Amino acid sequence: MDKYKKILYWSEDDNKFLVEVPELAGCMADGNTPEEALRNSEIIIAEWLETAEMLGREIPHYKNNLMYA
């Protein structure tokens, strides 16, 4: 699950850290700290993938956009 790209940012509206997973439509998690939001994102990713599989939907492959570090 940690292969999916995660975008972590602070939301003033929610007063929480949010994590979006762009490859998985609508997959988001939140938390009071960056660490909590990232931990929660792993749970949400697993649930997203489980639900997609159960419904027979295509599971997107993760995208590796990093060329250089």
PDB file of N, CA and C in Angstrom:
ATOM      1  N   MET A   1       0.808  -1.202   0.000  1.00  0.00           N
ATOM      2  CA  MET A   1       0.000   0.000   0.000  1.00  0.00           C
ATOM      3  C   MET A   1       0.846   1.259   0.000  1.00  0.00           C
ATOM      4  N   ASP A   2       2.053   1.149   0.506  1.00  0.00           N
ATOM      5  CA  ASP A   2       2.878   2.346   0.580  1.00  0.00           C
ATOM      6  C   ASP A   2       3.444   2.748  -0.768  1.00  0.00           C
ATOM      7  N   LYS A   3       3.087   2.029  -1.843  1.00  0.00           N
ATOM      8  CA  LYS A   3       3.546   2.394  -3.175  1.00  0.00           C
ATOM      9  C   LYS A   3       2.686   3.481  -3.802  1.00  0.00           C
ATOM     10  N   TYR A   4       1.488   3.663  -3.301  1.00  0.00           N
ATOM     11  CA  TYR A   4       0.626   4.711  -3.839  1.00  0.00           C
ATOM     12  C   TYR A   4       1.104   6.068  -3.354  1.00  0.00           C
ATOM     13  N   LYS A   5       1.044   7.038  -4.251  1.00  0.00           N
ATOM     14  CA  LYS A   5       1.450   8.398  -3.914  1.00  0.00           C
ATOM     15  C   LYS A   5       0.477   8.993  -2.914  1.00  0.00           C
ATOM     16  N   LYS A   6       1.025   9.675  -1.921  1.00  0.00           N
ATOM     17  CA  LYS A   6       0.202  10.338  -0.913  1.00  0.00           C
ATOM     18  C   LYS A   6       0.569  11.816  -0.886  1.00  0.00           C
ATOM     19  N   ILE A   7      -0.433  12.655  -0.877  1.00  0.00           N
ATOM     20  CA  ILE A   7      -0.229  14.095  -0.788  1.00  0.00           C
ATOM     21  C   ILE A   7      -0.740  14.536   0.578  1.00  0.00           C
ATOM     22  N   LEU A   8       0.172  15.053   1.387  1.00  0.00           N
ATOM     23  CA  LEU A   8      -0.138  15.467   2.753  1.00  0.00           C
ATOM     24  C   LEU A   8      -0.163  16.984   2.817  1.00  0.00           C
ATOM     25  N   TYR A   9      -1.222  17.536   3.395  1.00  0.00           N
ATOM     26  CA  TYR A   9      -1.296  18.990   3.550  1.00  0.00           C
ATOM     27  C   TYR A   9      -2.192  19.352   4.729  1.00  0.00           C
ATOM     28  N   TRP A  10      -2.054  20.588   5.180  1.00  0.00           N
ATOM     29  CA  TRP A  10      -2.865  21.117   6.264  1.00  0.00           C
ATOM     30  C   TRP A  10      -4.131  21.733   5.692  1.00  0.00           C
ATOM     31  N   SER A  11      -5.274  21.434   6.283  1.00  0.00           N
ATOM     32  CA  SER A  11      -6.547  22.003   5.858  1.00  0.00           C
ATOM     33  C   SER A  11      -7.031  22.978   6.927  1.00  0.00           C
ATOM     34  N   GLU A  12      -7.072  24.238   6.578  1.00  0.00           N
ATOM     35  CA  GLU A  12      -7.605  25.246   7.494  1.00  0.00           C
ATOM     36  C   GLU A  12      -9.089  25.000   7.760  1.00  0.00           C
ATOM     37  N   ASP A  13      -9.818  24.598   6.719  1.00  0.00           N
ATOM     38  CA  ASP A  13     -11.258  24.353   6.862  1.00  0.00           C
ATOM     39  C   ASP A  13     -11.552  23.243   7.865  1.00  0.00           C
ATOM     40  N   ASP A  14     -10.755  22.173   7.801  1.00  0.00           N
ATOM     41  CA  ASP A  14     -10.979  21.018   8.672  1.00  0.00           C
ATOM     42  C   ASP A  14     -10.176  21.089   9.962  1.00  0.00           C
ATOM     43  N   ASN A  15      -9.189  21.980   9.987  1.00  0.00           N
ATOM     44  CA  ASN A  15      -8.283  22.099  11.125  1.00  0.00           C
ATOM     45  C   ASN A  15      -7.589  20.767  11.417  1.00  0.00           C
ATOM     46  N   LYS A  16      -7.204  20.086  10.346  1.00  0.00           N
ATOM     47  CA  LYS A  16      -6.531  18.780  10.422  1.00  0.00           C
ATOM     48  C   LYS A  16      -5.567  18.644   9.259  1.00  0.00           C
ATOM     49  N   PHE A  17      -4.684  17.666   9.378  1.00  0.00           N
ATOM     50  CA  PHE A  17      -3.846  17.280   8.255  1.00  0.00           C
ATOM     51  C   PHE A  17      -4.644  16.313   7.393  1.00  0.00           C
ATOM     52  N   LEU A  18      -4.574  16.492   6.090  1.00  0.00           N
ATOM     53  CA  LEU A  18      -5.267  15.611   5.152  1.00  0.00           C
ATOM     54  C   LEU A  18      -4.251  14.896   4.277  1.00  0.00           C
ATOM     55  N   VAL A  19      -4.596  13.691   3.879  1.00  0.00           N
ATOM     56  CA  VAL A  19      -3.798  12.919   2.933  1.00  0.00           C
ATOM     57  C   VAL A  19      -4.719  12.512   1.801  1.00  0.00           C
ATOM     58  N   GLU A  20      -4.312  12.846   0.580  1.00  0.00           N
ATOM     59  CA  GLU A  20      -5.034  12.404  -0.612  1.00  0.00           C
ATOM     60  C   GLU A  20      -4.198  11.354  -1.323  1.00  0.00           C
ATOM     61  N   VAL A  21      -4.878  10.380  -1.922  1.00  0.00           N
ATOM     62  CA  VAL A  21      -4.214   9.333  -2.695  1.00  0.00           C
ATOM     63  C   VAL A  21      -4.726   9.473  -4.126  1.00  0.00           C
ATOM     64  N   PRO A  22      -3.983  10.210  -4.981  1.00  0.00           N
ATOM     65  CA  PRO A  22      -4.496  10.572  -6.310  1.00  0.00           C
ATOM     66  C   PRO A  22      -4.872   9.390  -7.205  1.00  0.00           C
ATOM     67  N   GLU A  23      -4.157   8.274  -7.098  1.00  0.00           N
ATOM     68  CA  GLU A  23      -4.461   7.136  -7.978  1.00  0.00           C
ATOM     69  C   GLU A  23      -5.778   6.450  -7.618  1.00  0.00           C
ATOM     70  N   LEU A  24      -6.257   6.656  -6.403  1.00  0.00           N
ATOM     71  CA  LEU A  24      -7.478   6.005  -5.936  1.00  0.00           C
ATOM     72  C   LEU A  24      -8.555   7.072  -5.730  1.00  0.00           C
ATOM     73  N   ALA A  25      -9.446   7.187  -6.677  1.00  0.00           N
ATOM     74  CA  ALA A  25     -10.449   8.250  -6.688  1.00  0.00           C
ATOM     75  C   ALA A  25     -11.203   8.344  -5.365  1.00  0.00           C
ATOM     76  N   GLY A  26     -11.187   9.541  -4.780  1.00  0.00           N
ATOM     77  CA  GLY A  26     -11.919   9.797  -3.558  1.00  0.00           C
ATOM     78  C   GLY A  26     -11.264   9.269  -2.297  1.00  0.00           C
ATOM     79  N   CYS A  27     -10.071   8.723  -2.402  1.00  0.00           N
ATOM     80  CA  CYS A  27      -9.392   8.135  -1.250  1.00  0.00           C
ATOM     81  C   CYS A  27      -8.658   9.229  -0.476  1.00  0.00           C
ATOM     82  N   MET A  28      -9.160   9.525   0.735  1.00  0.00           N
ATOM     83  CA  MET A  28      -8.589  10.570   1.586  1.00  0.00           C
ATOM     84  C   MET A  28      -8.642  10.122   3.037  1.00  0.00           C
ATOM     85  N   ALA A  29      -7.723  10.666   3.826  1.00  0.00           N
ATOM     86  CA  ALA A  29      -7.714  10.418   5.262  1.00  0.00           C
ATOM     87  C   ALA A  29      -7.316  11.705   5.964  1.00  0.00           C
ATOM     88  N   ASP A  30      -7.605  11.763   7.266  1.00  0.00           N
ATOM     89  CA  ASP A  30      -7.203  12.942   8.029  1.00  0.00           C
ATOM     90  C   ASP A  30      -6.592  12.517   9.352  1.00  0.00           C
ATOM     91  N   GLY A  31      -6.037  13.510  10.057  1.00  0.00           N
ATOM     92  CA  GLY A  31      -5.455  13.256  11.365  1.00  0.00           C
ATOM     93  C   GLY A  31      -5.053  14.562  12.023  1.00  0.00           C
ATOM     94  N   ASN A  32      -4.863  14.506  13.327  1.00  0.00           N
ATOM     95  CA  ASN A  32      -4.448  15.694  14.063  1.00  0.00           C
ATOM     96  C   ASN A  32      -2.968  16.008  13.878  1.00  0.00           C
ATOM     97  N   THR A  33      -2.185  15.002  13.489  1.00  0.00           N
ATOM     98  CA  THR A  33      -0.759  15.186  13.208  1.00  0.00           C
ATOM     99  C   THR A  33      -0.474  14.594  11.833  1.00  0.00           C
ATOM    100  N   PRO A  34       0.646  14.979  11.223  1.00  0.00           N
ATOM    101  CA  PRO A  34       0.992  14.362   9.932  1.00  0.00           C
ATOM    102  C   PRO A  34       1.124  12.839  10.044  1.00  0.00           C
ATOM    103  N   GLU A  35       1.717  12.380  11.135  1.00  0.00           N
ATOM    104  CA  GLU A  35       1.911  10.940  11.333  1.00  0.00           C
ATOM    105  C   GLU A  35       0.576  10.207  11.439  1.00  0.00           C
ATOM    106  N   GLU A  36      -0.353  10.793  12.169  1.00  0.00           N
ATOM    107  CA  GLU A  36      -1.675  10.181  12.318  1.00  0.00           C
ATOM    108  C   GLU A  36      -2.404  10.133  10.971  1.00  0.00           C
ATOM    109  N   ALA A  37      -2.326  11.210  10.208  1.00  0.00           N
ATOM    110  CA  ALA A  37      -2.979  11.247   8.895  1.00  0.00           C
ATOM    111  C   ALA A  37      -2.389  10.181   7.966  1.00  0.00           C
ATOM    112  N   LEU A  38      -1.068  10.015   7.999  1.00  0.00           N
ATOM    113  CA  LEU A  38      -0.436   8.999   7.155  1.00  0.00           C
ATOM    114  C   LEU A  38      -0.806   7.587   7.607  1.00  0.00           C
ATOM    115  N   ARG A  39      -0.853   7.350   8.910  1.00  0.00           N
ATOM    116  CA  ARG A  39      -1.289   6.036   9.418  1.00  0.00           C
ATOM    117  C   ARG A  39      -2.723   5.755   8.980  1.00  0.00           C
ATOM    118  N   ASN A  40      -3.581   6.756   9.128  1.00  0.00           N
ATOM    119  CA  ASN A  40      -4.980   6.591   8.733  1.00  0.00           C
ATOM    120  C   ASN A  40      -5.103   6.335   7.232  1.00  0.00           C
ATOM    121  N   SER A  41      -4.212   6.941   6.450  1.00  0.00           N
ATOM    122  CA  SER A  41      -4.273   6.741   4.996  1.00  0.00           C
ATOM    123  C   SER A  41      -4.008   5.285   4.631  1.00  0.00           C
ATOM    124  N   GLU A  42      -3.155   4.602   5.373  1.00  0.00           N
ATOM    125  CA  GLU A  42      -2.892   3.188   5.092  1.00  0.00           C
ATOM    126  C   GLU A  42      -4.153   2.347   5.313  1.00  0.00           C
ATOM    127  N   ILE A  43      -4.905   2.676   6.346  1.00  0.00           N
ATOM    128  CA  ILE A  43      -6.160   1.963   6.625  1.00  0.00           C
ATOM    129  C   ILE A  43      -7.164   2.225   5.503  1.00  0.00           C
ATOM    130  N   ILE A  44      -7.273   3.479   5.097  1.00  0.00           N
ATOM    131  CA  ILE A  44      -8.231   3.859   4.059  1.00  0.00           C
ATOM    132  C   ILE A  44      -7.856   3.252   2.710  1.00  0.00           C
ATOM    133  N   ILE A  45      -6.567   3.204   2.407  1.00  0.00           N
ATOM    134  CA  ILE A  45      -6.120   2.572   1.156  1.00  0.00           C
ATOM    135  C   ILE A  45      -6.516   1.100   1.153  1.00  0.00           C
ATOM    136  N   ALA A  46      -6.267   0.399   2.251  1.00  0.00           N
ATOM    137  CA  ALA A  46      -6.619  -1.020   2.341  1.00  0.00           C
ATOM    138  C   ALA A  46      -8.120  -1.216   2.158  1.00  0.00           C
ATOM    139  N   GLU A  47      -8.916  -0.370   2.789  1.00  0.00           N
ATOM    140  CA  GLU A  47     -10.373  -0.474   2.655  1.00  0.00           C
ATOM    141  C   GLU A  47     -10.826  -0.147   1.241  1.00  0.00           C
ATOM    142  N   TRP A  48     -10.201   0.862   0.617  1.00  0.00           N
ATOM    143  CA  TRP A  48     -10.539   1.238  -0.750  1.00  0.00           C
ATOM    144  C   TRP A  48     -10.280   0.054  -1.675  1.00  0.00           C
ATOM    145  N   LEU A  49      -9.089  -0.559  -1.553  1.00  0.00           N
ATOM    146  CA  LEU A  49      -8.725  -1.684  -2.415  1.00  0.00           C
ATOM    147  C   LEU A  49      -9.625  -2.888  -2.176  1.00  0.00           C
ATOM    148  N   GLU A  50      -9.942  -3.157  -0.925  1.00  0.00           N
ATOM    149  CA  GLU A  50     -10.831  -4.274  -0.585  1.00  0.00           C
ATOM    150  C   GLU A  50     -12.219  -4.079  -1.188  1.00  0.00           C
ATOM    151  N   THR A  51     -12.741  -2.869  -1.083  1.00  0.00           N
ATOM    152  CA  THR A  51     -14.067  -2.571  -1.630  1.00  0.00           C
ATOM    153  C   THR A  51     -14.072  -2.676  -3.151  1.00  0.00           C
ATOM    154  N   ALA A  52     -13.036  -2.137  -3.793  1.00  0.00           N
ATOM    155  CA  ALA A  52     -12.945  -2.213  -5.253  1.00  0.00           C
ATOM    156  C   ALA A  52     -12.895  -3.661  -5.718  1.00  0.00           C
ATOM    157  N   GLU A  53     -12.120  -4.475  -5.021  1.00  0.00           N
ATOM    158  CA  GLU A  53     -12.012  -5.891  -5.379  1.00  0.00           C
ATOM    159  C   GLU A  53     -13.351  -6.598  -5.183  1.00  0.00           C
ATOM    160  N   MET A  54     -14.013  -6.308  -4.073  1.00  0.00           N
ATOM    161  CA  MET A  54     -15.306  -6.925  -3.766  1.00  0.00           C
ATOM    162  C   MET A  54     -16.353  -6.563  -4.833  1.00  0.00           C
ATOM    163  N   LEU A  55     -16.291  -5.332  -5.346  1.00  0.00           N
ATOM    164  CA  LEU A  55     -17.248  -4.879  -6.349  1.00  0.00           C
ATOM    165  C   LEU A  55     -16.830  -5.234  -7.776  1.00  0.00           C
ATOM    166  N   GLY A  56     -15.661  -5.852  -7.917  1.00  0.00           N
ATOM    167  CA  GLY A  56     -15.170  -6.238  -9.236  1.00  0.00           C
ATOM    168  C   GLY A  56     -14.663  -5.067 -10.057  1.00  0.00           C
ATOM    169  N   ARG A  57     -14.286  -3.999  -9.395  1.00  0.00           N
ATOM    170  CA  ARG A  57     -13.767  -2.823 -10.103  1.00  0.00           C
ATOM    171  C   ARG A  57     -12.269  -2.960 -10.342  1.00  0.00           C
ATOM    172  N   GLU A  58     -11.828  -2.292 -11.369  1.00  0.00           N
ATOM    173  CA  GLU A  58     -10.406  -2.307 -11.696  1.00  0.00           C
ATOM    174  C   GLU A  58      -9.618  -1.578 -10.612  1.00  0.00           C
ATOM    175  N   ILE A  59      -8.512  -2.174 -10.200  1.00  0.00           N
ATOM    176  CA  ILE A  59      -7.656  -1.557  -9.190  1.00  0.00           C
ATOM    177  C   ILE A  59      -6.502  -0.871  -9.913  1.00  0.00           C
ATOM    178  N   PRO A  60      -6.409   0.447  -9.771  1.00  0.00           N
ATOM    179  CA  PRO A  60      -5.344   1.185 -10.466  1.00  0.00           C
ATOM    180  C   PRO A  60      -3.965   0.776  -9.960  1.00  0.00           C
ATOM    181  N   HIS A  61      -3.028   0.727 -10.888  1.00  0.00           N
ATOM    182  CA  HIS A  61      -1.640   0.489 -10.510  1.00  0.00           C
ATOM    183  C   HIS A  61      -1.053   1.805 -10.032  1.00  0.00           C
ATOM    184  N   TYR A  62      -0.141   1.708  -9.108  1.00  0.00           N
ATOM    185  CA  TYR A  62       0.501   2.924  -8.617  1.00  0.00           C
ATOM    186  C   TYR A  62       1.408   3.494  -9.708  1.00  0.00           C
ATOM    187  N   LYS A  63       1.614   4.798  -9.662  1.00  0.00           N
ATOM    188  CA  LYS A  63       2.458   5.484 -10.637  1.00  0.00           C
ATOM    189  C   LYS A  63       3.741   5.914  -9.951  1.00  0.00           C
ATOM    190  N   ASN A  64       4.845   5.579 -10.552  1.00  0.00           N
ATOM    191  CA  ASN A  64       6.137   5.987 -10.012  1.00  0.00           C
ATOM    192  C   ASN A  64       6.633   7.148 -10.854  1.00  0.00           C
ATOM    193  N   ASN A  65       6.387   8.375 -10.390  1.00  0.00           N
ATOM    194  CA  ASN A  65       6.764   9.568 -11.147  1.00  0.00           C
ATOM    195  C   ASN A  65       8.139  10.101 -10.800  1.00  0.00           C
ATOM    196  N   LEU A  66       8.794   9.513  -9.803  1.00  0.00           N
ATOM    197  CA  LEU A  66      10.088   9.999  -9.368  1.00  0.00           C
ATOM    198  C   LEU A  66      11.160   9.558 -10.344  1.00  0.00           C
ATOM    199  N   MET A  67      11.806  10.506 -10.978  1.00  0.00           N
ATOM    200  CA  MET A  67      12.877  10.202 -11.918  1.00  0.00           C
ATOM    201  C   MET A  67      14.234  10.298 -11.234  1.00  0.00           C
ATOM    202  N   TYR A  68      14.396  11.313 -10.408  1.00  0.00           N
ATOM    203  CA  TYR A  68      15.662  11.542  -9.707  1.00  0.00           C
ATOM    204  C   TYR A  68      15.369  11.963  -8.286  1.00  0.00           C
ATOM    205  N   ALA A  69      16.300  11.657  -7.404  1.00  0.00           N
ATOM    206  CA  ALA A  69      16.140  12.075  -6.013  1.00  0.00           C
ATOM    207  C   ALA A  69      17.383  12.828  -5.571  1.00  0.00           C
TER     208      ALA A  69
END
